[in-house]
Amino acid sequence: MKLATTFAGLTLAVAAAYSTPAVSQDIHANSAQPAARCQGALPNFEVGLRKRPLAVQNVGTTAMFVTCGFDFDAYEAIDNTALLVDTYFTNTGTEPATVTCTAVAGFEGGVTENVNLAIEIPAGAGGEDGNLYVFDTDFESGSMATGLVAFSCRLPAGVGINDTYVYWATE
């Protein structure tokens, strides 16, 4: 269901952005579990993070920061850019929790752009209630054209980052 909703939203966004393309475009997606893409931002955060098959979960009592890098075929993508980076979070706590992330496009020593994101996840919720995403058009330049995109997220106690997706178009 999550993937179908995401594809529907992506289809509408792409259709709006590229309403009459000169050439046929294909949308591609790369999905991964966060154990493949995410790690603690500092060694001391690793102690409170449990990397399990379906999530990187904050099992500590304080907020932890994770960094996630997203792989996609940038050289095959139109303008080397991703269209959408999509992540899902789960709150296993007994209180609502706010996840804050910074989406970063670019590379160290080069031009970078940041977009701040936040979502409040109800207690015991996830799935659509924990969906956080950024479109290429959310960046000031209107793209993630370096081919490099990452998230830095603050996970409150009891919150885990679940499945992650990156979408791009080819001609």
N, C-alpha and C. Protein backbone atom coordinates (compact mmCIF):
# COMPACT_ATOMS: atom_id res chain seq x y z
N MET A 1 0.83 -1.20 0.00
CA MET A 1 0.00 0.00 0.00
C MET A 1 0.87 1.26 0.00
N LYS A 2 1.91 1.25 0.84
CA LYS A 2 2.79 2.42 0.89
C LYS A 2 3.38 2.71 -0.47
N LEU A 3 3.88 1.67 -1.12
CA LEU A 3 4.54 1.83 -2.39
C LEU A 3 3.56 2.33 -3.45
N ALA A 4 2.33 1.81 -3.44
CA ALA A 4 1.32 2.24 -4.40
C ALA A 4 0.98 3.71 -4.20
N THR A 5 0.85 4.14 -2.95
CA THR A 5 0.56 5.54 -2.66
C THR A 5 1.70 6.43 -3.11
N THR A 6 2.91 5.98 -2.84
CA THR A 6 4.08 6.77 -3.24
C THR A 6 4.16 6.88 -4.75
N PHE A 7 3.95 5.75 -5.46
CA PHE A 7 3.98 5.80 -6.91
C PHE A 7 2.89 6.72 -7.46
N ALA A 8 1.72 6.70 -6.86
CA ALA A 8 0.64 7.58 -7.32
C ALA A 8 1.03 9.04 -7.14
N GLY A 9 1.58 9.38 -5.98
CA GLY A 9 2.02 10.75 -5.73
C GLY A 9 3.15 11.15 -6.66
N LEU A 10 4.08 10.25 -6.87
CA LEU A 10 5.19 10.53 -7.76
C LEU A 10 4.71 10.72 -9.19
N THR A 11 3.78 9.90 -9.62
CA THR A 11 3.25 10.01 -10.97
C THR A 11 2.61 11.38 -11.18
N LEU A 12 1.82 11.84 -10.22
CA LEU A 12 1.21 13.16 -10.33
C LEU A 12 2.24 14.27 -10.34
N ALA A 13 3.26 14.15 -9.48
CA ALA A 13 4.30 15.18 -9.42
C ALA A 13 5.09 15.23 -10.72
N VAL A 14 5.44 14.08 -11.24
CA VAL A 14 6.19 14.04 -12.49
C VAL A 14 5.33 14.56 -13.63
N ALA A 15 4.07 14.19 -13.64
CA ALA A 15 3.17 14.66 -14.69
C ALA A 15 3.05 16.18 -14.66
N ALA A 16 2.99 16.75 -13.48
CA ALA A 16 2.89 18.21 -13.37
C ALA A 16 4.18 18.88 -13.81
N ALA A 17 5.30 18.31 -13.42
CA ALA A 17 6.59 18.92 -13.74
C ALA A 17 6.95 18.74 -15.21
N TYR A 18 6.58 17.63 -15.77
CA TYR A 18 6.93 17.30 -17.15
C TYR A 18 5.66 17.03 -17.94
N SER A 19 4.77 18.02 -18.00
CA SER A 19 3.44 17.78 -18.54
C SER A 19 3.44 17.36 -20.00
N THR A 20 4.32 17.87 -20.83
CA THR A 20 4.39 17.45 -22.22
C THR A 20 5.85 17.17 -22.58
N PRO A 21 6.37 16.05 -22.16
CA PRO A 21 7.77 15.75 -22.44
C PRO A 21 8.02 15.57 -23.94
N ALA A 22 9.20 16.00 -24.38
CA ALA A 22 9.58 15.86 -25.78
C ALA A 22 9.91 14.40 -26.10
N VAL A 23 10.32 13.65 -25.09
CA VAL A 23 10.66 12.25 -25.29
C VAL A 23 9.97 11.43 -24.20
N SER A 24 9.87 10.15 -24.45
CA SER A 24 9.28 9.26 -23.46
C SER A 24 10.20 9.15 -22.24
N GLN A 25 9.61 9.12 -21.06
CA GLN A 25 10.38 9.01 -19.82
C GLN A 25 9.94 7.79 -19.04
N ASP A 26 10.90 7.16 -18.40
CA ASP A 26 10.62 6.04 -17.52
C ASP A 26 10.99 6.44 -16.11
N ILE A 27 10.16 6.06 -15.15
CA ILE A 27 10.45 6.32 -13.74
C ILE A 27 11.06 5.06 -13.14
N HIS A 28 12.15 5.24 -12.42
CA HIS A 28 12.83 4.13 -11.77
C HIS A 28 12.85 4.37 -10.27
N ALA A 29 12.93 3.29 -9.51
CA ALA A 29 12.99 3.40 -8.05
C ALA A 29 14.05 2.45 -7.52
N ASN A 30 14.69 2.88 -6.45
CA ASN A 30 15.63 2.05 -5.73
C ASN A 30 15.16 2.04 -4.28
N SER A 31 14.79 0.87 -3.80
CA SER A 31 14.34 0.76 -2.42
C SER A 31 15.37 0.00 -1.62
N ALA A 32 15.40 0.27 -0.32
CA ALA A 32 16.34 -0.44 0.56
C ALA A 32 15.87 -0.35 1.99
N GLN A 33 16.24 -1.36 2.75
CA GLN A 33 16.04 -1.30 4.19
C GLN A 33 17.11 -0.37 4.76
N PRO A 34 16.84 0.33 5.84
CA PRO A 34 17.78 1.32 6.36
C PRO A 34 19.09 0.74 6.87
N ALA A 35 19.12 -0.55 7.20
CA ALA A 35 20.39 -1.13 7.63
C ALA A 35 21.44 -1.01 6.52
N ALA A 36 21.00 -0.92 5.26
CA ALA A 36 21.90 -0.77 4.12
C ALA A 36 22.29 0.69 3.89
N ARG A 37 21.47 1.64 4.31
CA ARG A 37 21.68 3.05 3.96
C ARG A 37 21.98 3.97 5.14
N CYS A 38 21.69 3.54 6.36
CA CYS A 38 21.73 4.46 7.51
C CYS A 38 22.70 3.99 8.58
N GLN A 39 23.28 4.96 9.27
CA GLN A 39 24.18 4.66 10.39
C GLN A 39 24.11 5.80 11.39
N GLY A 40 24.56 5.54 12.59
CA GLY A 40 24.62 6.59 13.60
C GLY A 40 25.53 7.71 13.15
N ALA A 41 25.13 8.96 13.42
CA ALA A 41 25.92 10.10 12.98
C ALA A 41 27.24 10.22 13.74
N LEU A 42 27.30 9.70 14.94
CA LEU A 42 28.51 9.68 15.77
C LEU A 42 28.62 8.31 16.42
N PRO A 43 29.85 7.88 16.77
CA PRO A 43 30.00 6.56 17.39
C PRO A 43 29.14 6.37 18.65
N ASN A 44 28.96 7.42 19.45
CA ASN A 44 28.16 7.25 20.67
C ASN A 44 26.68 7.02 20.37
N PHE A 45 26.20 7.40 19.20
CA PHE A 45 24.81 7.12 18.84
C PHE A 45 24.60 5.65 18.50
N GLU A 46 25.64 4.97 18.04
CA GLU A 46 25.52 3.56 17.66
C GLU A 46 25.08 2.70 18.85
N VAL A 47 25.44 3.12 20.06
CA VAL A 47 25.09 2.35 21.26
C VAL A 47 23.58 2.26 21.43
N GLY A 48 22.85 3.32 21.10
CA GLY A 48 21.40 3.35 21.30
C GLY A 48 20.60 2.96 20.07
N LEU A 49 21.29 2.60 18.99
CA LEU A 49 20.59 2.23 17.76
C LEU A 49 20.66 0.72 17.55
N ARG A 50 19.51 0.14 17.28
CA ARG A 50 19.47 -1.28 16.96
C ARG A 50 19.23 -1.40 15.46
N LYS A 51 20.17 -2.00 14.77
CA LYS A 51 20.04 -2.20 13.33
C LYS A 51 19.49 -3.59 13.10
N ARG A 52 18.20 -3.62 12.81
CA ARG A 52 17.54 -4.90 12.60
C ARG A 52 17.07 -4.97 11.15
N PRO A 53 16.60 -6.11 10.67
CA PRO A 53 16.26 -6.25 9.25
C PRO A 53 15.26 -5.22 8.72
N LEU A 54 14.30 -4.80 9.55
CA LEU A 54 13.24 -3.92 9.05
C LEU A 54 13.37 -2.47 9.48
N ALA A 55 14.33 -2.14 10.33
CA ALA A 55 14.45 -0.76 10.79
C ALA A 55 15.80 -0.53 11.45
N VAL A 56 16.19 0.73 11.48
CA VAL A 56 17.24 1.19 12.38
C VAL A 56 16.48 1.91 13.48
N GLN A 57 16.41 1.27 14.62
CA GLN A 57 15.52 1.67 15.72
C GLN A 57 16.29 2.34 16.85
N ASN A 58 15.79 3.47 17.34
CA ASN A 58 16.35 4.09 18.53
C ASN A 58 15.78 3.36 19.74
N VAL A 59 16.61 2.53 20.36
CA VAL A 59 16.18 1.78 21.54
C VAL A 59 16.70 2.45 22.82
N GLY A 60 17.31 3.61 22.67
CA GLY A 60 17.81 4.35 23.82
C GLY A 60 16.72 5.19 24.47
N THR A 61 17.12 6.01 25.43
CA THR A 61 16.18 6.86 26.15
C THR A 61 16.27 8.32 25.73
N THR A 62 17.22 8.65 24.85
CA THR A 62 17.37 10.01 24.35
C THR A 62 17.39 9.99 22.82
N ALA A 63 17.25 11.14 22.22
CA ALA A 63 17.27 11.24 20.76
C ALA A 63 18.63 10.85 20.21
N MET A 64 18.62 10.22 19.05
CA MET A 64 19.83 9.79 18.34
C MET A 64 19.77 10.36 16.93
N PHE A 65 20.92 10.66 16.37
CA PHE A 65 20.99 11.14 14.99
C PHE A 65 21.50 10.04 14.08
N VAL A 66 20.84 9.89 12.93
CA VAL A 66 21.29 8.95 11.91
C VAL A 66 21.51 9.70 10.61
N THR A 67 22.42 9.19 9.81
CA THR A 67 22.67 9.72 8.48
C THR A 67 22.40 8.60 7.49
N CYS A 68 21.64 8.93 6.44
CA CYS A 68 21.29 7.95 5.42
C CYS A 68 21.68 8.50 4.05
N GLY A 69 22.44 7.73 3.29
CA GLY A 69 22.79 8.10 1.92
C GLY A 69 21.95 7.28 0.96
N PHE A 70 21.53 7.87 -0.15
CA PHE A 70 20.61 7.21 -1.09
C PHE A 70 21.28 6.96 -2.43
N ASP A 71 21.27 5.69 -2.84
CA ASP A 71 21.87 5.28 -4.11
C ASP A 71 20.84 5.30 -5.22
N PHE A 72 21.26 5.82 -6.38
CA PHE A 72 20.45 5.70 -7.58
C PHE A 72 21.38 5.88 -8.78
N ASP A 73 20.90 5.55 -9.96
CA ASP A 73 21.72 5.65 -11.18
C ASP A 73 21.74 7.08 -11.69
N ALA A 74 22.51 7.92 -11.00
CA ALA A 74 22.54 9.35 -11.32
C ALA A 74 22.97 9.62 -12.76
N TYR A 75 23.92 8.85 -13.27
CA TYR A 75 24.41 9.10 -14.63
C TYR A 75 23.40 8.70 -15.69
N GLU A 76 22.44 7.87 -15.31
CA GLU A 76 21.37 7.47 -16.23
C GLU A 76 20.16 8.40 -16.09
N ALA A 77 20.07 9.12 -14.97
CA ALA A 77 18.92 9.97 -14.69
C ALA A 77 18.97 11.25 -15.52
N ILE A 78 17.80 11.74 -15.85
CA ILE A 78 17.71 13.02 -16.56
C ILE A 78 18.34 14.09 -15.67
N ASP A 79 19.28 14.83 -16.20
CA ASP A 79 20.00 15.90 -15.49
C ASP A 79 20.71 15.39 -14.22
N ASN A 80 21.01 14.09 -14.15
CA ASN A 80 21.69 13.48 -12.99
C ASN A 80 20.93 13.67 -11.69
N THR A 81 19.64 13.88 -11.74
CA THR A 81 18.90 14.24 -10.53
C THR A 81 17.87 13.20 -10.12
N ALA A 82 17.74 13.03 -8.82
CA ALA A 82 16.63 12.25 -8.28
C ALA A 82 15.38 13.13 -8.30
N LEU A 83 14.23 12.52 -8.38
CA LEU A 83 12.97 13.26 -8.35
C LEU A 83 12.37 13.31 -6.95
N LEU A 84 12.57 12.23 -6.19
CA LEU A 84 11.92 12.10 -4.89
C LEU A 84 12.76 11.18 -4.02
N VAL A 85 12.94 11.56 -2.77
CA VAL A 85 13.51 10.68 -1.76
C VAL A 85 12.42 10.51 -0.71
N ASP A 86 12.10 9.26 -0.39
CA ASP A 86 10.94 8.93 0.42
C ASP A 86 11.36 7.99 1.54
N THR A 87 10.99 8.31 2.77
CA THR A 87 11.35 7.48 3.92
C THR A 87 10.12 7.26 4.81
N TYR A 88 10.15 6.15 5.53
CA TYR A 88 9.07 5.81 6.44
C TYR A 88 9.65 5.57 7.83
N PHE A 89 8.95 6.06 8.83
CA PHE A 89 9.36 5.95 10.23
C PHE A 89 8.25 5.28 11.02
N THR A 90 8.63 4.65 12.14
CA THR A 90 7.68 4.05 13.07
C THR A 90 7.97 4.56 14.46
N ASN A 91 6.93 4.88 15.20
CA ASN A 91 7.05 5.31 16.59
C ASN A 91 6.50 4.20 17.48
N THR A 92 7.38 3.50 18.19
CA THR A 92 6.94 2.43 19.10
C THR A 92 6.68 2.97 20.50
N GLY A 93 6.86 4.27 20.68
CA GLY A 93 6.67 4.89 21.99
C GLY A 93 5.20 5.05 22.36
N THR A 94 4.97 5.52 23.58
CA THR A 94 3.61 5.72 24.08
C THR A 94 3.15 7.17 23.95
N GLU A 95 4.00 8.03 23.42
CA GLU A 95 3.68 9.44 23.19
C GLU A 95 3.98 9.79 21.73
N PRO A 96 3.31 10.81 21.17
CA PRO A 96 3.67 11.26 19.82
C PRO A 96 5.15 11.68 19.80
N ALA A 97 5.78 11.52 18.67
CA ALA A 97 7.20 11.88 18.53
C ALA A 97 7.40 12.64 17.24
N THR A 98 8.21 13.68 17.29
CA THR A 98 8.52 14.47 16.10
C THR A 98 9.90 14.10 15.57
N VAL A 99 9.92 13.65 14.33
CA VAL A 99 11.18 13.36 13.64
C VAL A 99 11.52 14.58 12.80
N THR A 100 12.75 15.05 12.93
CA THR A 100 13.24 16.14 12.10
C THR A 100 14.40 15.61 11.26
N CYS A 101 14.42 16.01 10.00
CA CYS A 101 15.48 15.59 9.08
C CYS A 101 15.93 16.80 8.27
N THR A 102 17.16 16.73 7.83
CA THR A 102 17.68 17.67 6.85
C THR A 102 18.06 16.86 5.62
N ALA A 103 17.45 17.18 4.51
CA ALA A 103 17.81 16.56 3.24
C ALA A 103 18.94 17.39 2.65
N VAL A 104 20.01 16.73 2.24
CA VAL A 104 21.18 17.42 1.71
C VAL A 104 21.47 16.90 0.31
N ALA A 105 21.58 17.81 -0.63
CA ALA A 105 22.00 17.46 -1.99
C ALA A 105 23.32 18.17 -2.25
N GLY A 106 24.30 17.45 -2.74
CA GLY A 106 25.60 18.04 -3.03
C GLY A 106 26.71 17.21 -2.46
N PHE A 107 27.91 17.79 -2.44
CA PHE A 107 29.08 17.07 -1.95
C PHE A 107 30.00 18.02 -1.19
N GLU A 108 30.78 17.45 -0.27
CA GLU A 108 31.71 18.21 0.57
C GLU A 108 32.66 19.01 -0.33
N GLY A 109 32.77 20.30 -0.04
CA GLY A 109 33.63 21.17 -0.82
C GLY A 109 32.98 21.74 -2.07
N GLY A 110 31.78 21.30 -2.37
CA GLY A 110 31.07 21.79 -3.55
C GLY A 110 29.82 22.54 -3.15
N VAL A 111 28.98 22.78 -4.11
CA VAL A 111 27.71 23.46 -3.85
C VAL A 111 26.76 22.46 -3.20
N THR A 112 26.18 22.84 -2.07
CA THR A 112 25.20 21.99 -1.40
C THR A 112 23.93 22.77 -1.14
N GLU A 113 22.84 22.03 -1.05
CA GLU A 113 21.55 22.63 -0.69
C GLU A 113 20.91 21.76 0.37
N ASN A 114 20.20 22.39 1.28
CA ASN A 114 19.53 21.69 2.37
C ASN A 114 18.04 22.03 2.37
N VAL A 115 17.26 21.05 2.75
CA VAL A 115 15.82 21.25 2.97
C VAL A 115 15.50 20.63 4.32
N ASN A 116 14.89 21.42 5.21
CA ASN A 116 14.50 20.92 6.53
C ASN A 116 13.11 20.30 6.47
N LEU A 117 12.97 19.13 7.10
CA LEU A 117 11.72 18.38 7.08
C LEU A 117 11.35 17.98 8.50
N ALA A 118 10.08 17.83 8.77
CA ALA A 118 9.62 17.37 10.09
C ALA A 118 8.28 16.67 9.94
N ILE A 119 8.08 15.68 10.81
CA ILE A 119 6.80 14.99 10.84
C ILE A 119 6.55 14.54 12.27
N GLU A 120 5.30 14.72 12.73
CA GLU A 120 4.91 14.19 14.04
C GLU A 120 4.22 12.86 13.81
N ILE A 121 4.73 11.84 14.50
CA ILE A 121 4.20 10.49 14.35
C ILE A 121 3.44 10.13 15.62
N PRO A 122 2.17 9.77 15.50
CA PRO A 122 1.40 9.38 16.69
C PRO A 122 2.04 8.19 17.40
N ALA A 123 1.73 8.05 18.67
CA ALA A 123 2.22 6.91 19.45
C ALA A 123 1.80 5.60 18.79
N GLY A 124 2.73 4.67 18.68
CA GLY A 124 2.44 3.36 18.12
C GLY A 124 2.14 3.36 16.64
N ALA A 125 2.44 4.42 15.94
CA ALA A 125 2.08 4.53 14.53
C ALA A 125 3.30 4.45 13.63
N GLY A 126 3.03 4.26 12.37
CA GLY A 126 4.05 4.23 11.32
C GLY A 126 3.34 4.23 9.99
N GLY A 127 3.95 3.63 8.99
CA GLY A 127 3.33 3.58 7.66
C GLY A 127 3.08 4.97 7.13
N GLU A 128 1.86 5.19 6.62
CA GLU A 128 1.53 6.51 6.05
C GLU A 128 1.64 7.62 7.09
N ASP A 129 1.41 7.30 8.37
CA ASP A 129 1.53 8.30 9.44
C ASP A 129 2.98 8.70 9.68
N GLY A 130 3.93 7.91 9.18
CA GLY A 130 5.34 8.19 9.39
C GLY A 130 6.09 8.43 8.10
N ASN A 131 5.39 8.86 7.05
CA ASN A 131 6.00 9.08 5.74
C ASN A 131 6.56 10.49 5.61
N LEU A 132 7.87 10.58 5.35
CA LEU A 132 8.56 11.86 5.19
C LEU A 132 9.29 11.82 3.87
N TYR A 133 9.14 12.84 3.04
CA TYR A 133 9.74 12.82 1.71
C TYR A 133 10.12 14.22 1.27
N VAL A 134 11.00 14.26 0.25
CA VAL A 134 11.42 15.52 -0.34
C VAL A 134 11.46 15.34 -1.86
N PHE A 135 10.87 16.29 -2.59
CA PHE A 135 10.92 16.32 -4.05
C PHE A 135 12.10 17.16 -4.50
N ASP A 136 12.55 16.93 -5.72
CA ASP A 136 13.64 17.73 -6.28
C ASP A 136 13.28 19.22 -6.28
N THR A 137 12.02 19.52 -6.52
CA THR A 137 11.58 20.92 -6.60
C THR A 137 11.54 21.61 -5.23
N ASP A 138 11.70 20.84 -4.15
CA ASP A 138 11.76 21.44 -2.81
C ASP A 138 13.09 22.15 -2.57
N PHE A 139 14.11 21.81 -3.34
CA PHE A 139 15.40 22.47 -3.22
C PHE A 139 15.36 23.79 -3.98
N GLU A 140 16.11 24.78 -3.51
CA GLU A 140 16.08 26.11 -4.11
C GLU A 140 16.39 26.09 -5.60
N SER A 141 17.34 25.25 -5.99
CA SER A 141 17.72 25.17 -7.41
C SER A 141 16.69 24.38 -8.23
N GLY A 142 15.78 23.69 -7.55
CA GLY A 142 14.77 22.90 -8.23
C GLY A 142 15.22 21.51 -8.59
N SER A 143 16.37 21.09 -8.03
CA SER A 143 16.84 19.74 -8.37
C SER A 143 17.81 19.21 -7.31
N MET A 144 18.12 17.94 -7.46
CA MET A 144 19.19 17.28 -6.70
C MET A 144 20.23 16.84 -7.72
N ALA A 145 20.71 17.79 -8.53
CA ALA A 145 21.46 17.50 -9.75
C ALA A 145 22.88 17.02 -9.55
N THR A 146 23.40 17.00 -8.34
CA THR A 146 24.76 16.47 -8.17
C THR A 146 24.77 14.96 -8.24
N GLY A 147 23.60 14.34 -8.14
CA GLY A 147 23.54 12.89 -8.10
C GLY A 147 23.80 12.34 -6.72
N LEU A 148 23.99 13.22 -5.74
CA LEU A 148 24.25 12.81 -4.36
C LEU A 148 23.19 13.41 -3.46
N VAL A 149 22.53 12.56 -2.67
CA VAL A 149 21.50 13.03 -1.75
C VAL A 149 21.55 12.19 -0.48
N ALA A 150 21.37 12.86 0.65
CA ALA A 150 21.41 12.18 1.94
C ALA A 150 20.43 12.85 2.89
N PHE A 151 20.07 12.13 3.95
CA PHE A 151 19.25 12.66 5.04
C PHE A 151 20.06 12.59 6.32
N SER A 152 19.92 13.58 7.16
CA SER A 152 20.38 13.52 8.54
C SER A 152 19.13 13.68 9.38
N CYS A 153 18.83 12.68 10.21
CA CYS A 153 17.58 12.68 10.96
C CYS A 153 17.81 12.53 12.45
N ARG A 154 16.98 13.24 13.22
CA ARG A 154 16.96 13.11 14.67
C ARG A 154 15.82 12.17 15.02
N LEU A 155 16.18 11.00 15.54
CA LEU A 155 15.18 10.00 15.92
C LEU A 155 14.94 10.08 17.42
N PRO A 156 13.77 10.51 17.86
CA PRO A 156 13.46 10.47 19.29
C PRO A 156 13.47 9.03 19.80
N ALA A 157 13.54 8.86 21.10
CA ALA A 157 13.50 7.53 21.71
C ALA A 157 12.27 6.78 21.22
N GLY A 158 12.44 5.52 20.84
CA GLY A 158 11.33 4.70 20.38
C GLY A 158 11.02 4.81 18.90
N VAL A 159 11.71 5.68 18.18
CA VAL A 159 11.43 5.87 16.75
C VAL A 159 12.46 5.14 15.92
N GLY A 160 11.99 4.51 14.86
CA GLY A 160 12.87 3.82 13.92
C GLY A 160 12.64 4.30 12.51
N ILE A 161 13.70 4.27 11.72
CA ILE A 161 13.57 4.56 10.30
C ILE A 161 13.41 3.23 9.60
N ASN A 162 12.38 3.13 8.77
CA ASN A 162 12.02 1.88 8.11
C ASN A 162 12.50 1.91 6.66
N ASP A 163 11.65 1.53 5.74
CA ASP A 163 12.02 1.45 4.34
C ASP A 163 12.30 2.83 3.75
N THR A 164 13.22 2.83 2.77
CA THR A 164 13.64 4.07 2.11
C THR A 164 13.58 3.87 0.60
N TYR A 165 13.28 4.95 -0.12
CA TYR A 165 13.13 4.89 -1.57
C TYR A 165 13.72 6.14 -2.19
N VAL A 166 14.28 5.99 -3.39
CA VAL A 166 14.69 7.14 -4.19
C VAL A 166 14.18 6.87 -5.60
N TYR A 167 13.62 7.90 -6.26
CA TYR A 167 13.01 7.79 -7.57
C TYR A 167 13.72 8.74 -8.53
N TRP A 168 13.87 8.30 -9.79
CA TRP A 168 14.47 9.14 -10.81
C TRP A 168 13.88 8.78 -12.17
N ALA A 169 14.07 9.65 -13.14
CA ALA A 169 13.54 9.44 -14.48
C ALA A 169 14.67 9.30 -15.48
N THR A 170 14.44 8.47 -16.50
CA THR A 170 15.36 8.35 -17.63
C THR A 170 14.58 8.55 -18.91
N GLU A 171 15.30 8.87 -19.94
CA GLU A 171 14.65 9.04 -21.27
C GLU A 171 14.66 7.74 -22.02
